[in-house]
Amino acid sequence: MVSVQEWQPKADDRSLTDDVLKVEPNYLRDFQSCLTQAGILVSAERGFRWKSWVFRAFQEGAITMQRFTKASRLLGPSQFSPVFSQARYRVSSSNLLVLVRPSQQSARLGLVVAKKNVRLAVKRNQIKRLIREAFRVRQAEFGTIDMVVLARSGLGSLNKQEISQQIHQLFDELLEKLNYENNR
């Protein structure tokens, strides 16, 4: 997801004109996808060139990308087991169960999509992608929690829209519980 804050070039900054600026190759991929997601159309001529004020806004953090990094994942049994044993919040539907435990780090996600519950590997991977994306988009809202999402039987028979809808409903319920607890 791309977050575009209000960003104005300084009036006395002469380097920020509408002329173009060459972007270094290692920065290009992030910058291009960020602008595309934000709906900013930029022309490309002889390599990639971008308007300097847009590039400066990206460098200064006015345009950012939220990523699902390794630090946002629960890895291994030592990180999963405390969530299973000390889950403070539980939210469920007929096909998904979400267990949450407060933590000291930023929001992290663990996924359990067993072959027993979702037979096809393609469908298991699709479900994991949908959950990861929903989490990535709303990660900042969750605060400091560890979350495990478990797939139950029957989830494999749903289409993408139904799965996505269930995930978002569960995340909404979870946020209500977290906000209620924080406001007490």
N, C-alpha and C. Protein backbone atom coordinates (compact mmCIF):
# COMPACT_ATOMS: atom_id res chain seq x y z
N MET A 1 0.85 -1.17 0.00
CA MET A 1 0.00 0.00 0.00
C MET A 1 0.89 1.23 0.00
N VAL A 2 0.45 2.22 -0.63
CA VAL A 2 1.23 3.44 -0.72
C VAL A 2 0.55 4.52 0.10
N SER A 3 1.35 5.21 0.86
CA SER A 3 0.85 6.31 1.65
C SER A 3 1.45 7.59 1.09
N VAL A 4 0.61 8.48 0.64
CA VAL A 4 1.11 9.74 0.10
C VAL A 4 0.66 10.87 1.01
N GLN A 5 1.61 11.47 1.72
CA GLN A 5 1.30 12.57 2.60
C GLN A 5 1.35 13.86 1.80
N GLU A 6 0.77 14.90 2.37
CA GLU A 6 0.86 16.20 1.70
C GLU A 6 2.31 16.66 1.78
N TRP A 7 2.87 16.94 0.65
CA TRP A 7 4.27 17.35 0.58
C TRP A 7 4.38 18.47 -0.42
N GLN A 8 4.96 19.57 0.00
CA GLN A 8 5.14 20.73 -0.85
C GLN A 8 6.61 21.05 -0.94
N PRO A 9 7.12 21.33 -2.13
CA PRO A 9 8.51 21.78 -2.22
C PRO A 9 8.63 23.16 -1.58
N LYS A 10 9.80 23.42 -1.00
CA LYS A 10 10.03 24.73 -0.40
C LYS A 10 10.13 25.78 -1.50
N ALA A 11 9.60 26.97 -1.24
CA ALA A 11 9.55 28.02 -2.25
C ALA A 11 10.95 28.44 -2.70
N ASP A 12 11.91 28.41 -1.78
CA ASP A 12 13.25 28.87 -2.14
C ASP A 12 14.15 27.75 -2.67
N ASP A 13 13.61 26.55 -2.81
CA ASP A 13 14.41 25.42 -3.28
C ASP A 13 14.46 25.42 -4.80
N ARG A 14 15.55 25.86 -5.36
CA ARG A 14 15.67 25.98 -6.81
C ARG A 14 15.92 24.64 -7.49
N SER A 15 16.32 23.62 -6.71
CA SER A 15 16.58 22.31 -7.32
C SER A 15 15.29 21.58 -7.67
N LEU A 16 14.17 22.07 -7.15
CA LEU A 16 12.90 21.40 -7.39
C LEU A 16 12.13 22.09 -8.50
N THR A 17 12.53 21.83 -9.69
CA THR A 17 11.83 22.37 -10.84
C THR A 17 11.17 21.23 -11.57
N ASP A 18 10.49 21.53 -12.65
CA ASP A 18 9.83 20.48 -13.40
C ASP A 18 10.77 19.72 -14.34
N ASP A 19 12.05 20.06 -14.29
CA ASP A 19 12.96 19.30 -15.14
C ASP A 19 13.13 17.90 -14.56
N VAL A 20 13.75 17.01 -15.31
CA VAL A 20 13.80 15.61 -14.91
C VAL A 20 15.13 15.28 -14.26
N LEU A 21 15.12 14.23 -13.49
CA LEU A 21 16.28 13.80 -12.74
C LEU A 21 16.45 12.30 -12.96
N LYS A 22 17.66 11.84 -13.24
CA LYS A 22 17.89 10.41 -13.42
C LYS A 22 17.87 9.72 -12.07
N VAL A 23 17.26 8.55 -12.03
CA VAL A 23 17.13 7.79 -10.80
C VAL A 23 18.15 6.66 -10.83
N GLU A 24 18.79 6.41 -9.69
CA GLU A 24 19.74 5.32 -9.62
C GLU A 24 19.01 3.99 -9.79
N PRO A 25 19.62 3.01 -10.47
CA PRO A 25 18.96 1.75 -10.78
C PRO A 25 18.43 0.98 -9.57
N ASN A 26 19.17 0.98 -8.44
CA ASN A 26 18.70 0.22 -7.29
C ASN A 26 17.47 0.85 -6.64
N TYR A 27 17.23 2.12 -6.85
CA TYR A 27 16.08 2.82 -6.30
C TYR A 27 14.87 2.73 -7.23
N LEU A 28 15.14 2.39 -8.47
CA LEU A 28 14.13 2.50 -9.51
C LEU A 28 12.92 1.62 -9.27
N ARG A 29 13.13 0.37 -8.91
CA ARG A 29 12.01 -0.56 -8.78
C ARG A 29 11.03 -0.09 -7.72
N ASP A 30 11.52 0.25 -6.53
CA ASP A 30 10.64 0.73 -5.45
C ASP A 30 9.94 2.01 -5.84
N PHE A 31 10.69 2.91 -6.40
CA PHE A 31 10.15 4.21 -6.78
C PHE A 31 9.06 4.07 -7.83
N GLN A 32 9.31 3.26 -8.84
CA GLN A 32 8.35 3.09 -9.93
C GLN A 32 7.07 2.44 -9.42
N SER A 33 7.18 1.37 -8.63
CA SER A 33 5.97 0.71 -8.13
C SER A 33 5.22 1.62 -7.16
N CYS A 34 5.93 2.40 -6.38
CA CYS A 34 5.31 3.33 -5.46
C CYS A 34 4.48 4.37 -6.20
N LEU A 35 5.06 4.94 -7.25
CA LEU A 35 4.34 5.95 -8.02
C LEU A 35 3.15 5.35 -8.75
N THR A 36 3.31 4.15 -9.28
CA THR A 36 2.22 3.49 -9.99
C THR A 36 1.04 3.26 -9.05
N GLN A 37 1.33 2.75 -7.85
CA GLN A 37 0.26 2.50 -6.89
C GLN A 37 -0.40 3.78 -6.42
N ALA A 38 0.35 4.87 -6.39
CA ALA A 38 -0.21 6.14 -5.96
C ALA A 38 -0.99 6.82 -7.09
N GLY A 39 -0.92 6.24 -8.29
CA GLY A 39 -1.64 6.80 -9.42
C GLY A 39 -0.92 7.97 -10.05
N ILE A 40 0.38 8.09 -9.83
CA ILE A 40 1.15 9.18 -10.43
C ILE A 40 1.75 8.68 -11.73
N LEU A 41 1.39 9.31 -12.81
CA LEU A 41 1.91 8.92 -14.11
C LEU A 41 3.15 9.74 -14.41
N VAL A 42 4.22 9.05 -14.74
CA VAL A 42 5.46 9.72 -15.03
C VAL A 42 5.98 9.20 -16.35
N SER A 43 6.47 10.10 -17.19
CA SER A 43 6.95 9.69 -18.50
C SER A 43 8.34 9.09 -18.40
N ALA A 44 8.63 8.19 -19.31
CA ALA A 44 9.95 7.57 -19.36
C ALA A 44 10.56 7.88 -20.72
N GLU A 45 11.78 8.36 -20.72
CA GLU A 45 12.43 8.62 -21.98
C GLU A 45 13.91 8.28 -21.82
N ARG A 46 14.43 7.51 -22.72
CA ARG A 46 15.84 7.11 -22.71
C ARG A 46 16.26 6.67 -21.31
N GLY A 47 15.82 5.50 -20.93
CA GLY A 47 15.98 5.06 -19.54
C GLY A 47 14.80 5.60 -18.77
N PHE A 48 14.91 5.62 -17.48
CA PHE A 48 13.82 6.16 -16.68
C PHE A 48 14.23 7.49 -16.11
N ARG A 49 13.42 8.49 -16.31
CA ARG A 49 13.66 9.82 -15.74
C ARG A 49 12.37 10.27 -15.06
N TRP A 50 12.51 10.86 -13.94
CA TRP A 50 11.34 11.27 -13.18
C TRP A 50 11.45 12.74 -12.83
N LYS A 51 10.33 13.35 -12.62
CA LYS A 51 10.33 14.75 -12.21
C LYS A 51 11.02 14.86 -10.85
N SER A 52 11.88 15.83 -10.71
CA SER A 52 12.73 15.91 -9.52
C SER A 52 11.93 16.11 -8.24
N TRP A 53 10.83 16.84 -8.27
CA TRP A 53 10.08 17.07 -7.04
C TRP A 53 9.42 15.79 -6.55
N VAL A 54 9.02 14.91 -7.48
CA VAL A 54 8.42 13.64 -7.07
C VAL A 54 9.50 12.76 -6.43
N PHE A 55 10.65 12.74 -7.06
CA PHE A 55 11.76 11.94 -6.54
C PHE A 55 12.18 12.45 -5.16
N ARG A 56 12.25 13.76 -4.97
CA ARG A 56 12.63 14.33 -3.69
C ARG A 56 11.58 13.97 -2.63
N ALA A 57 10.32 14.01 -3.00
CA ALA A 57 9.26 13.63 -2.05
C ALA A 57 9.43 12.18 -1.62
N PHE A 58 9.79 11.33 -2.55
CA PHE A 58 10.02 9.92 -2.23
C PHE A 58 11.22 9.78 -1.29
N GLN A 59 12.29 10.50 -1.57
CA GLN A 59 13.49 10.44 -0.72
C GLN A 59 13.21 10.93 0.69
N GLU A 60 12.38 11.95 0.82
CA GLU A 60 12.11 12.54 2.13
C GLU A 60 11.02 11.79 2.90
N GLY A 61 10.47 10.75 2.30
CA GLY A 61 9.51 9.93 3.01
C GLY A 61 8.08 10.38 2.90
N ALA A 62 7.78 11.35 2.04
CA ALA A 62 6.39 11.77 1.87
C ALA A 62 5.60 10.72 1.10
N ILE A 63 6.30 9.95 0.29
CA ILE A 63 5.69 8.82 -0.40
C ILE A 63 6.38 7.59 0.14
N THR A 64 5.62 6.69 0.78
CA THR A 64 6.22 5.51 1.38
C THR A 64 5.49 4.25 0.93
N MET A 65 6.18 3.14 1.07
CA MET A 65 5.57 1.85 0.76
C MET A 65 5.54 1.03 2.04
N GLN A 66 4.44 0.36 2.30
CA GLN A 66 4.35 -0.55 3.41
C GLN A 66 4.66 -1.93 2.87
N ARG A 67 5.60 -2.61 3.48
CA ARG A 67 6.00 -3.93 3.00
C ARG A 67 5.74 -4.95 4.08
N PHE A 68 5.63 -6.19 3.63
CA PHE A 68 5.50 -7.31 4.54
C PHE A 68 6.88 -7.94 4.66
N THR A 69 7.68 -7.44 5.58
CA THR A 69 9.07 -7.86 5.71
C THR A 69 9.18 -9.07 6.64
N LYS A 70 10.38 -9.59 6.74
CA LYS A 70 10.64 -10.73 7.61
C LYS A 70 10.34 -10.38 9.07
N ALA A 71 10.57 -9.12 9.43
CA ALA A 71 10.30 -8.68 10.80
C ALA A 71 8.80 -8.67 11.11
N SER A 72 7.96 -8.74 10.07
CA SER A 72 6.51 -8.74 10.25
C SER A 72 5.92 -10.15 10.32
N ARG A 73 6.79 -11.15 10.38
CA ARG A 73 6.33 -12.55 10.35
C ARG A 73 6.70 -13.25 11.64
N LEU A 74 5.85 -14.19 12.02
CA LEU A 74 6.21 -15.11 13.09
C LEU A 74 6.92 -16.27 12.42
N LEU A 75 8.11 -16.59 12.90
CA LEU A 75 8.91 -17.64 12.30
C LEU A 75 9.24 -18.70 13.35
N GLY A 76 8.89 -19.92 13.07
CA GLY A 76 9.27 -21.03 13.94
C GLY A 76 8.39 -21.23 15.14
N PRO A 77 8.49 -22.41 15.72
CA PRO A 77 7.65 -22.79 16.87
C PRO A 77 7.86 -21.91 18.10
N SER A 78 9.06 -21.41 18.30
CA SER A 78 9.32 -20.58 19.48
C SER A 78 8.54 -19.27 19.45
N GLN A 79 8.16 -18.80 18.26
CA GLN A 79 7.37 -17.58 18.15
C GLN A 79 5.88 -17.88 18.06
N PHE A 80 5.51 -19.05 17.53
CA PHE A 80 4.10 -19.42 17.41
C PHE A 80 3.52 -19.88 18.75
N SER A 81 4.25 -20.70 19.50
CA SER A 81 3.69 -21.32 20.70
C SER A 81 3.20 -20.33 21.75
N PRO A 82 3.89 -19.20 22.02
CA PRO A 82 3.31 -18.25 22.98
C PRO A 82 1.95 -17.70 22.55
N VAL A 83 1.75 -17.55 21.25
CA VAL A 83 0.46 -17.05 20.78
C VAL A 83 -0.63 -18.10 21.01
N PHE A 84 -0.30 -19.37 20.75
CA PHE A 84 -1.29 -20.44 20.98
C PHE A 84 -1.60 -20.60 22.46
N SER A 85 -0.59 -20.53 23.30
CA SER A 85 -0.80 -20.80 24.73
C SER A 85 -1.31 -19.58 25.51
N GLN A 86 -0.99 -18.37 25.06
CA GLN A 86 -1.34 -17.17 25.81
C GLN A 86 -2.18 -16.19 24.99
N ALA A 87 -3.02 -16.71 24.11
CA ALA A 87 -3.85 -15.83 23.27
C ALA A 87 -4.80 -15.03 24.15
N ARG A 88 -4.73 -13.73 24.04
CA ARG A 88 -5.58 -12.85 24.84
C ARG A 88 -6.89 -12.53 24.11
N TYR A 89 -6.81 -12.51 22.79
CA TYR A 89 -7.99 -12.22 21.97
C TYR A 89 -8.18 -13.35 20.96
N ARG A 90 -9.44 -13.72 20.76
CA ARG A 90 -9.77 -14.73 19.76
C ARG A 90 -10.95 -14.22 18.95
N VAL A 91 -10.80 -14.30 17.63
CA VAL A 91 -11.87 -13.91 16.73
C VAL A 91 -12.00 -15.04 15.73
N SER A 92 -13.24 -15.44 15.44
CA SER A 92 -13.38 -16.57 14.52
C SER A 92 -14.61 -16.47 13.64
N SER A 93 -14.54 -17.18 12.56
CA SER A 93 -15.68 -17.40 11.68
C SER A 93 -15.73 -18.91 11.46
N SER A 94 -16.62 -19.34 10.61
CA SER A 94 -16.73 -20.78 10.37
C SER A 94 -15.50 -21.34 9.67
N ASN A 95 -14.73 -20.50 8.97
CA ASN A 95 -13.59 -20.98 8.20
C ASN A 95 -12.24 -20.48 8.66
N LEU A 96 -12.20 -19.49 9.55
CA LEU A 96 -10.93 -18.92 10.00
C LEU A 96 -10.96 -18.69 11.51
N LEU A 97 -9.79 -18.81 12.13
CA LEU A 97 -9.62 -18.50 13.54
C LEU A 97 -8.41 -17.58 13.66
N VAL A 98 -8.57 -16.47 14.39
CA VAL A 98 -7.48 -15.53 14.60
C VAL A 98 -7.18 -15.49 16.10
N LEU A 99 -5.93 -15.78 16.45
CA LEU A 99 -5.46 -15.71 17.83
C LEU A 99 -4.47 -14.56 17.94
N VAL A 100 -4.61 -13.76 19.01
CA VAL A 100 -3.77 -12.57 19.16
C VAL A 100 -3.24 -12.48 20.58
N ARG A 101 -1.99 -12.09 20.66
CA ARG A 101 -1.31 -11.89 21.93
C ARG A 101 -0.55 -10.58 21.87
N PRO A 102 -0.64 -9.73 22.90
CA PRO A 102 0.15 -8.50 22.91
C PRO A 102 1.65 -8.83 22.92
N SER A 103 2.43 -7.97 22.28
CA SER A 103 3.88 -8.19 22.23
C SER A 103 4.60 -6.86 22.42
N GLN A 104 5.91 -6.92 22.44
CA GLN A 104 6.73 -5.72 22.59
C GLN A 104 7.16 -5.15 21.24
N GLN A 105 6.97 -5.93 20.17
CA GLN A 105 7.41 -5.52 18.84
C GLN A 105 6.22 -5.05 18.02
N SER A 106 6.48 -4.60 16.80
CA SER A 106 5.39 -4.19 15.92
C SER A 106 4.58 -5.43 15.55
N ALA A 107 3.44 -5.22 14.95
CA ALA A 107 2.53 -6.31 14.62
C ALA A 107 3.21 -7.35 13.75
N ARG A 108 3.05 -8.63 14.14
CA ARG A 108 3.62 -9.74 13.38
C ARG A 108 2.54 -10.77 13.11
N LEU A 109 2.68 -11.48 12.00
CA LEU A 109 1.66 -12.42 11.53
C LEU A 109 2.25 -13.80 11.34
N GLY A 110 1.50 -14.81 11.78
CA GLY A 110 1.83 -16.20 11.51
C GLY A 110 0.64 -16.86 10.85
N LEU A 111 0.91 -17.74 9.90
CA LEU A 111 -0.17 -18.41 9.15
C LEU A 111 -0.09 -19.91 9.33
N VAL A 112 -1.27 -20.53 9.53
CA VAL A 112 -1.36 -21.98 9.59
C VAL A 112 -2.48 -22.38 8.63
N VAL A 113 -2.07 -22.87 7.46
CA VAL A 113 -3.04 -23.33 6.46
C VAL A 113 -2.66 -24.77 6.14
N ALA A 114 -3.30 -25.71 6.83
CA ALA A 114 -2.94 -27.12 6.73
C ALA A 114 -3.52 -27.78 5.48
N LYS A 115 -2.78 -28.74 4.99
CA LYS A 115 -3.22 -29.51 3.83
C LYS A 115 -4.49 -30.29 4.14
N LYS A 116 -4.66 -30.64 5.41
CA LYS A 116 -5.85 -31.34 5.86
C LYS A 116 -7.12 -30.52 5.62
N ASN A 117 -7.00 -29.18 5.78
CA ASN A 117 -8.15 -28.29 5.65
C ASN A 117 -8.32 -27.71 4.26
N VAL A 118 -7.23 -27.51 3.54
CA VAL A 118 -7.28 -26.95 2.18
C VAL A 118 -6.40 -27.86 1.32
N ARG A 119 -7.01 -28.70 0.52
CA ARG A 119 -6.28 -29.75 -0.20
C ARG A 119 -5.29 -29.23 -1.23
N LEU A 120 -5.72 -28.33 -2.07
CA LEU A 120 -4.87 -27.92 -3.20
C LEU A 120 -3.82 -26.89 -2.76
N ALA A 121 -2.58 -27.13 -3.19
CA ALA A 121 -1.48 -26.22 -2.85
C ALA A 121 -1.73 -24.82 -3.42
N VAL A 122 -2.30 -24.77 -4.61
CA VAL A 122 -2.58 -23.49 -5.24
C VAL A 122 -3.54 -22.68 -4.38
N LYS A 123 -4.55 -23.34 -3.86
CA LYS A 123 -5.54 -22.67 -3.02
C LYS A 123 -4.93 -22.26 -1.67
N ARG A 124 -4.08 -23.13 -1.09
CA ARG A 124 -3.41 -22.77 0.17
C ARG A 124 -2.56 -21.52 -0.01
N ASN A 125 -1.81 -21.47 -1.09
CA ASN A 125 -0.96 -20.31 -1.36
C ASN A 125 -1.78 -19.06 -1.61
N GLN A 126 -2.90 -19.21 -2.31
CA GLN A 126 -3.78 -18.07 -2.57
C GLN A 126 -4.34 -17.52 -1.25
N ILE A 127 -4.74 -18.40 -0.37
CA ILE A 127 -5.28 -17.99 0.92
C ILE A 127 -4.22 -17.24 1.72
N LYS A 128 -3.00 -17.78 1.73
CA LYS A 128 -1.92 -17.12 2.46
C LYS A 128 -1.61 -15.75 1.89
N ARG A 129 -1.63 -15.63 0.56
CA ARG A 129 -1.39 -14.31 -0.06
C ARG A 129 -2.47 -13.32 0.34
N LEU A 130 -3.73 -13.75 0.33
CA LEU A 130 -4.83 -12.86 0.69
C LEU A 130 -4.72 -12.39 2.14
N ILE A 131 -4.38 -13.31 3.04
CA ILE A 131 -4.25 -12.95 4.46
C ILE A 131 -3.07 -12.00 4.65
N ARG A 132 -1.93 -12.31 4.02
CA ARG A 132 -0.75 -11.45 4.14
C ARG A 132 -1.03 -10.04 3.64
N GLU A 133 -1.71 -9.95 2.51
CA GLU A 133 -2.01 -8.63 1.94
C GLU A 133 -2.94 -7.83 2.85
N ALA A 134 -3.99 -8.49 3.37
CA ALA A 134 -4.91 -7.81 4.28
C ALA A 134 -4.17 -7.34 5.54
N PHE A 135 -3.28 -8.16 6.05
CA PHE A 135 -2.49 -7.79 7.22
C PHE A 135 -1.55 -6.64 6.89
N ARG A 136 -0.87 -6.71 5.77
CA ARG A 136 0.10 -5.68 5.37
C ARG A 136 -0.56 -4.31 5.28
N VAL A 137 -1.74 -4.28 4.70
CA VAL A 137 -2.46 -3.02 4.51
C VAL A 137 -2.88 -2.41 5.85
N ARG A 138 -3.22 -3.26 6.82
CA ARG A 138 -3.75 -2.76 8.09
C ARG A 138 -2.77 -2.91 9.25
N GLN A 139 -1.55 -3.24 8.95
CA GLN A 139 -0.54 -3.52 9.97
C GLN A 139 -0.38 -2.39 10.98
N ALA A 140 -0.38 -1.17 10.52
CA ALA A 140 -0.19 -0.02 11.42
C ALA A 140 -1.34 0.11 12.42
N GLU A 141 -2.54 -0.32 12.04
CA GLU A 141 -3.70 -0.22 12.93
C GLU A 141 -3.62 -1.18 14.10
N PHE A 142 -2.90 -2.30 13.92
CA PHE A 142 -2.87 -3.34 14.95
C PHE A 142 -1.97 -3.00 16.13
N GLY A 143 -1.00 -2.14 15.92
CA GLY A 143 -0.10 -1.79 17.02
C GLY A 143 0.91 -2.89 17.28
N THR A 144 1.11 -3.22 18.57
CA THR A 144 2.12 -4.22 18.93
C THR A 144 1.45 -5.52 19.35
N ILE A 145 1.24 -6.40 18.39
CA ILE A 145 0.62 -7.69 18.66
C ILE A 145 1.32 -8.78 17.86
N ASP A 146 1.15 -10.01 18.31
CA ASP A 146 1.50 -11.19 17.52
C ASP A 146 0.18 -11.87 17.18
N MET A 147 0.00 -12.18 15.90
CA MET A 147 -1.26 -12.73 15.43
C MET A 147 -1.01 -14.03 14.66
N VAL A 148 -1.84 -15.03 14.93
CA VAL A 148 -1.80 -16.27 14.16
C VAL A 148 -3.18 -16.47 13.55
N VAL A 149 -3.20 -16.71 12.24
CA VAL A 149 -4.46 -16.98 11.54
C VAL A 149 -4.44 -18.44 11.13
N LEU A 150 -5.46 -19.18 11.57
CA LEU A 150 -5.58 -20.60 11.26
C LEU A 150 -6.73 -20.82 10.29
N ALA A 151 -6.48 -21.60 9.27
CA ALA A 151 -7.53 -21.95 8.31
C ALA A 151 -8.25 -23.19 8.81
N ARG A 152 -9.55 -23.17 8.74
CA ARG A 152 -10.36 -24.33 9.12
C ARG A 152 -10.87 -25.01 7.86
N SER A 153 -11.43 -26.19 8.04
CA SER A 153 -11.94 -26.92 6.87
C SER A 153 -13.09 -26.14 6.23
N GLY A 154 -13.18 -26.23 4.94
CA GLY A 154 -14.21 -25.52 4.20
C GLY A 154 -13.73 -24.23 3.58
N LEU A 155 -12.58 -23.73 4.02
CA LEU A 155 -12.06 -22.48 3.47
C LEU A 155 -11.65 -22.64 2.01
N GLY A 156 -11.21 -23.82 1.64
CA GLY A 156 -10.78 -24.08 0.26
C GLY A 156 -11.90 -24.03 -0.75
N SER A 157 -13.14 -24.15 -0.30
CA SER A 157 -14.28 -24.15 -1.22
C SER A 157 -14.78 -22.73 -1.53
N LEU A 158 -14.27 -21.74 -0.81
CA LEU A 158 -14.70 -20.36 -1.03
C LEU A 158 -13.89 -19.70 -2.14
N ASN A 159 -14.48 -18.70 -2.80
CA ASN A 159 -13.73 -17.96 -3.82
C ASN A 159 -12.94 -16.83 -3.16
N LYS A 160 -12.11 -16.16 -3.97
CA LYS A 160 -11.23 -15.11 -3.44
C LYS A 160 -11.99 -14.00 -2.72
N GLN A 161 -13.08 -13.57 -3.31
CA GLN A 161 -13.84 -12.46 -2.72
C GLN A 161 -14.41 -12.84 -1.36
N GLU A 162 -14.94 -14.05 -1.25
CA GLU A 162 -15.51 -14.49 0.02
C GLU A 162 -14.43 -14.63 1.10
N ILE A 163 -13.28 -15.16 0.70
CA ILE A 163 -12.17 -15.30 1.65
C ILE A 163 -11.71 -13.93 2.11
N SER A 164 -11.51 -13.03 1.17
CA SER A 164 -11.06 -11.67 1.50
C SER A 164 -12.07 -10.97 2.40
N GLN A 165 -13.33 -11.14 2.11
CA GLN A 165 -14.38 -10.52 2.91
C GLN A 165 -14.35 -11.05 4.35
N GLN A 166 -14.18 -12.36 4.51
CA GLN A 166 -14.10 -12.95 5.85
C GLN A 166 -12.89 -12.43 6.62
N ILE A 167 -11.77 -12.34 5.93
CA ILE A 167 -10.55 -11.85 6.57
C ILE A 167 -10.76 -10.42 7.08
N HIS A 168 -11.30 -9.57 6.23
CA HIS A 168 -11.51 -8.17 6.62
C HIS A 168 -12.52 -8.04 7.75
N GLN A 169 -13.57 -8.88 7.74
CA GLN A 169 -14.54 -8.86 8.83
C GLN A 169 -13.88 -9.25 10.15
N LEU A 170 -13.04 -10.28 10.11
CA LEU A 170 -12.35 -10.72 11.32
C LEU A 170 -11.38 -9.65 11.82
N PHE A 171 -10.67 -9.02 10.90
CA PHE A 171 -9.75 -7.95 11.29
C PHE A 171 -10.51 -6.77 11.88
N ASP A 172 -11.69 -6.45 11.34
CA ASP A 172 -12.51 -5.37 11.90
C ASP A 172 -12.94 -5.71 13.33
N GLU A 173 -13.40 -6.96 13.54
CA GLU A 173 -13.80 -7.39 14.88
C GLU A 173 -12.62 -7.32 15.86
N LEU A 174 -11.46 -7.76 15.37
CA LEU A 174 -10.27 -7.73 16.21
C LEU A 174 -9.90 -6.30 16.59
N LEU A 175 -9.96 -5.39 15.63
CA LEU A 175 -9.64 -3.99 15.93
C LEU A 175 -10.63 -3.40 16.92
N GLU A 176 -11.90 -3.78 16.83
CA GLU A 176 -12.89 -3.31 17.81
C GLU A 176 -12.53 -3.79 19.21
N LYS A 177 -12.13 -5.07 19.32
CA LYS A 177 -11.73 -5.61 20.63
C LYS A 177 -10.48 -4.91 21.16
N LEU A 178 -9.51 -4.72 20.29
CA LEU A 178 -8.27 -4.05 20.71
C LEU A 178 -8.55 -2.61 21.14
N ASN A 179 -9.36 -1.89 20.38
CA ASN A 179 -9.70 -0.49 20.72
C ASN A 179 -10.51 -0.41 22.00
N TYR A 180 -11.44 -1.35 22.19
CA TYR A 180 -12.25 -1.38 23.41
C TYR A 180 -11.35 -1.60 24.62
N GLU A 181 -10.42 -2.54 24.49
CA GLU A 181 -9.49 -2.84 25.59
C GLU A 181 -8.59 -1.64 25.89
N ASN A 182 -8.13 -0.96 24.85
CA ASN A 182 -7.25 0.20 25.05
C ASN A 182 -7.97 1.40 25.65
N ASN A 183 -9.26 1.54 25.39
CA ASN A 183 -10.04 2.67 25.90
C ASN A 183 -10.59 2.45 27.29
N ARG A 184 -10.46 1.27 27.83
CA ARG A 184 -10.97 0.97 29.18
C ARG A 184 -10.16 1.59 30.25
